[in-house]
Every structure is written in C-alpha cells, then in structure tokens.
Amino acid sequence: MTEILDTTVDFRATMGRLATGVSVITTRSGSTPIGMTASAVSALSLDPVQLLVCIGNHLYTRTAIAEHGRFAVNVLGEDGEPLARNFAVSKADKFANVETIDDHGVPVLRDAIAAVVCDVAEALPGGDHTIFVGDVRHCSHRADSRPLLHFAGGFGTLRAALTGNLPKGALRAR
C-alpha cells in the first residue's frame, strides 16, 4: 500500500508542474445552477468540434452534468482567482453575487474571458473521474484577455517580458 501512496503523491506533485488554465465548469440541476473549478479541460476535435472535461466521480457536478446533458466551460482571466476559489469550495450558493448569462441552458459566467457550451456526447470512465466529451454548441472569447493559470498548487498569470532575461509570457507566481 505504501508504494501506491508514494506513487500517488509523486504523480500529483509531478503533474502539479504542468501549468494549466483555470476554468469553472457550470451546469444545472433542475433550475439550480451548479459549478466547480477545474483544470482538467482540453480541446479534443475540430471535426466534430468537441472538448473534454474530467470531473471527480464523488462530485455533485458530475451527477448534475450527466443528468442535465449540457455544461459550460468558463475560462477565467488573470483577475479570476476569487472566482476560482469561490467555485473550488463546497458551499450552499456558489453563484451568490456572481453574474451569469443564461442564454444557452446553463449559466455562463459574465466575467469569463472565454466560454464554451457543450452537449454531452459521451461519458467515459477514467479511474476516479468521469471524462465528459462535449459537442460544442456555442463558444465566445475576449481577444484582449489573458488567462489565470494553476501551477504547483497556486495561481499565477502570464506576463510580458520586462527584461531581456525573462522570456515573453513567463509565468509569474502570485
């Protein structure tokens, strides 16, 4: 058992070094908006246009997506850390004081720098997660924005080079 635990800890620490964008996955359970912070999001296909999200099997968001059949990926901008933290915790109303647009059957965060609304095409097993493949139904973005990043357990942003020693777009820890 120790070997498996060590592998899990090492794997988590190693994968934490992969900088990822931060998104809030939203859906509905009946008329109630549901959401969670996620970094396991990826473009999948251009023909058909699809993306995937990976949601822990123990999370209510996973059940809500499976039942509702539609979800949105809301990509957070560099000022989105408060939203990321808000949707990362379990609490009664994560949507209190959060502005949404409800034109596509699921809440889309008004402050997101990009949003993709998908219908569930497939739900595949992935260990302790479910991999939802989504058929894209709507997408939009702000061209002049930059993403919030997650790296080594913390949040950071992209930053333009200030000196010749810092590569353009280097990760800046907060």
Protein backbone atom coordinates (compact mmCIF):
# COMPACT_ATOMS: atom_id res chain seq x y z
CA MET A 1 0.00 0.00 0.00
CA THR A 2 2.89 2.38 0.72
CA GLU A 3 4.17 2.07 -2.84
CA ILE A 4 0.78 3.07 -4.28
CA LEU A 5 0.51 6.00 -1.87
CA ASP A 6 4.03 7.19 -2.75
CA THR A 7 3.22 6.90 -6.46
CA THR A 8 0.02 8.91 -5.98
CA VAL A 9 1.82 11.66 -4.06
CA ASP A 10 4.67 11.74 -6.58
CA PHE A 11 2.26 11.78 -9.52
CA ARG A 12 0.23 14.63 -8.04
CA ALA A 13 3.37 16.67 -7.31
CA THR A 14 4.79 15.96 -10.76
CA MET A 15 1.58 16.85 -12.61
CA GLY A 16 1.34 20.00 -10.47
CA ARG A 17 4.31 21.24 -12.50
CA LEU A 18 2.14 21.25 -15.63
CA ALA A 19 0.76 24.78 -15.84
CA THR A 20 -2.90 24.70 -16.79
CA GLY A 21 -5.62 27.21 -17.44
CA VAL A 22 -8.28 27.58 -14.77
CA SER A 23 -11.93 27.10 -15.68
CA VAL A 24 -15.25 26.94 -13.90
CA ILE A 25 -17.50 24.16 -15.16
CA THR A 26 -21.17 25.07 -14.88
CA THR A 27 -24.42 23.20 -15.41
CA ARG A 28 -27.85 22.92 -13.83
CA SER A 29 -29.67 20.56 -11.55
CA GLY A 30 -33.28 21.35 -12.33
CA SER A 31 -33.39 25.15 -12.02
CA THR A 32 -30.42 25.31 -9.63
CA PRO A 33 -27.06 26.45 -11.06
CA ILE A 34 -24.15 24.15 -10.24
CA GLY A 35 -20.43 24.87 -10.68
CA MET A 36 -16.91 23.84 -9.80
CA THR A 37 -13.35 24.94 -10.51
CA ALA A 38 -11.40 22.66 -12.83
CA SER A 39 -8.11 22.49 -14.68
CA ALA A 40 -8.68 19.16 -16.47
CA VAL A 41 -10.12 20.67 -19.66
CA SER A 42 -8.87 20.15 -23.19
CA ALA A 43 -9.81 20.73 -26.81
CA LEU A 44 -10.44 17.34 -28.39
CA SER A 45 -11.55 17.59 -32.02
CA LEU A 46 -12.32 20.03 -34.82
CA ASP A 47 -14.45 17.57 -36.80
CA PRO A 48 -16.76 17.36 -34.96
CA VAL A 49 -15.95 20.32 -32.71
CA GLN A 50 -15.51 18.78 -29.25
CA LEU A 51 -13.76 19.28 -25.95
CA LEU A 52 -13.40 17.20 -22.84
CA VAL A 53 -13.60 17.81 -19.12
CA CYS A 54 -12.67 15.42 -16.34
CA ILE A 55 -14.84 15.53 -13.21
CA GLY A 56 -14.29 13.56 -10.00
CA ASN A 57 -16.88 10.81 -9.58
CA HIS A 58 -17.58 11.88 -5.99
CA LEU A 59 -18.62 15.42 -7.00
CA TYR A 60 -22.22 16.53 -7.36
CA THR A 61 -21.26 18.47 -10.51
CA ARG A 62 -20.54 15.12 -12.17
CA THR A 63 -24.07 13.87 -11.41
CA ALA A 64 -25.63 17.17 -12.50
CA ILE A 65 -23.79 17.17 -15.86
CA ALA A 66 -24.80 13.56 -16.50
CA GLU A 67 -28.46 14.32 -15.71
CA HIS A 68 -28.73 17.72 -17.43
CA GLY A 69 -26.74 16.70 -20.51
CA ARG A 70 -25.20 20.16 -21.02
CA PHE A 71 -22.33 22.05 -19.43
CA ALA A 72 -20.24 25.17 -19.95
CA VAL A 73 -16.51 25.65 -19.60
CA ASN A 74 -15.84 29.20 -18.35
CA VAL A 75 -12.16 30.13 -18.79
CA LEU A 76 -11.02 32.54 -16.09
CA GLY A 77 -8.88 35.58 -16.76
CA GLU A 78 -5.85 36.70 -14.78
CA ASP A 79 -8.10 38.55 -12.32
CA GLY A 80 -10.30 35.47 -11.81
CA GLU A 81 -8.65 34.00 -8.72
CA PRO A 82 -11.57 34.99 -6.44
CA LEU A 83 -13.98 33.16 -8.78
CA ALA A 84 -11.66 30.14 -8.90
CA ARG A 85 -11.53 29.99 -5.11
CA ASN A 86 -15.30 30.57 -4.79
CA PHE A 87 -16.14 27.61 -7.04
CA ALA A 88 -13.40 25.38 -5.55
CA VAL A 89 -15.11 25.03 -2.17
CA SER A 90 -18.26 23.27 -1.11
CA LYS A 91 -20.89 25.78 -0.03
CA ALA A 92 -24.62 26.35 -0.38
CA ASP A 93 -24.73 29.05 -3.06
CA LYS A 94 -21.59 29.45 -5.12
CA PHE A 95 -23.50 31.72 -7.51
CA ALA A 96 -24.32 34.41 -4.90
CA ASN A 97 -23.02 37.75 -6.26
CA VAL A 98 -21.76 36.07 -9.46
CA GLU A 99 -23.17 37.50 -12.69
CA THR A 100 -24.21 34.94 -15.27
CA ILE A 101 -25.68 34.85 -18.74
CA ASP A 102 -28.34 32.18 -19.14
CA ASP A 103 -28.92 32.18 -22.91
CA HIS A 104 -27.72 28.61 -23.54
CA GLY A 105 -29.45 26.43 -20.95
CA VAL A 106 -26.57 26.59 -18.48
CA PRO A 107 -25.08 29.52 -16.58
CA VAL A 108 -22.14 31.20 -18.31
CA LEU A 109 -20.01 33.45 -16.09
CA ARG A 110 -20.12 37.06 -17.28
CA ASP A 111 -16.52 37.59 -16.09
CA ALA A 112 -15.10 34.61 -18.01
CA ILE A 113 -12.61 35.50 -20.75
CA ALA A 114 -13.89 32.58 -22.84
CA ALA A 115 -16.84 30.23 -22.64
CA VAL A 116 -17.77 27.03 -24.42
CA VAL A 117 -21.22 25.49 -24.07
CA CYS A 118 -21.44 21.77 -24.83
CA ASP A 119 -23.94 18.96 -25.01
CA VAL A 120 -22.64 15.72 -23.52
CA ALA A 121 -21.65 13.40 -26.38
CA GLU A 122 -20.09 10.70 -24.20
CA ALA A 123 -19.32 9.99 -20.57
CA LEU A 124 -16.31 7.70 -20.29
CA PRO A 125 -14.77 6.08 -17.22
CA GLY A 126 -11.41 7.47 -16.19
CA GLY A 127 -10.40 5.90 -12.88
CA ASP A 128 -11.86 8.04 -10.10
CA HIS A 129 -13.09 10.60 -12.67
CA THR A 130 -15.60 10.71 -15.50
CA ILE A 131 -14.39 12.08 -18.82
CA PHE A 132 -17.18 14.07 -20.43
CA VAL A 133 -16.80 14.58 -24.16
CA GLY A 134 -18.80 17.63 -25.17
CA ASP A 135 -20.18 18.58 -28.58
CA VAL A 136 -19.64 22.35 -28.81
CA ARG A 137 -22.88 24.28 -29.29
CA HIS A 138 -21.65 27.82 -28.59
CA CYS A 139 -18.30 29.46 -27.93
CA SER A 140 -17.09 33.01 -27.39
CA HIS A 141 -13.96 34.77 -26.16
CA ARG A 142 -12.41 38.16 -25.43
CA ALA A 143 -9.45 38.67 -27.76
CA ASP A 144 -7.64 41.12 -25.46
CA SER A 145 -7.52 38.91 -22.36
CA ARG A 146 -5.03 36.70 -20.59
CA PRO A 147 -5.70 33.52 -18.59
CA LEU A 148 -5.43 32.64 -14.94
CA LEU A 149 -3.03 29.72 -14.55
CA HIS A 150 -2.66 26.99 -11.94
CA PHE A 151 0.85 25.77 -11.16
CA ALA A 152 2.30 23.82 -8.22
CA GLY A 153 -0.83 24.32 -6.12
CA GLY A 154 -1.06 28.08 -6.65
CA PHE A 155 -2.39 30.64 -9.08
CA GLY A 156 -0.36 32.76 -11.47
CA THR A 157 -0.57 34.79 -14.66
CA LEU A 158 1.25 35.32 -17.92
CA ARG A 159 3.36 38.45 -18.03
CA ALA A 160 5.08 40.22 -20.91
CA ALA A 161 8.86 40.35 -20.79
CA LEU A 162 10.23 43.26 -18.76
CA THR A 163 13.89 42.49 -19.28
CA GLY A 164 15.97 40.54 -21.74
CA ASN A 165 16.35 37.78 -19.10
CA LEU A 166 12.64 37.00 -18.73
CA PRO A 167 11.08 35.10 -21.65
CA LYS A 168 7.92 36.67 -23.03
CA GLY A 169 4.83 35.10 -21.47
CA ALA A 170 6.71 33.78 -18.42
CA LEU A 171 4.65 32.53 -15.51
CA ARG A 172 4.55 34.99 -12.65
CA ALA A 173 3.61 33.47 -9.29
CA ARG A 174 1.29 35.46 -7.06
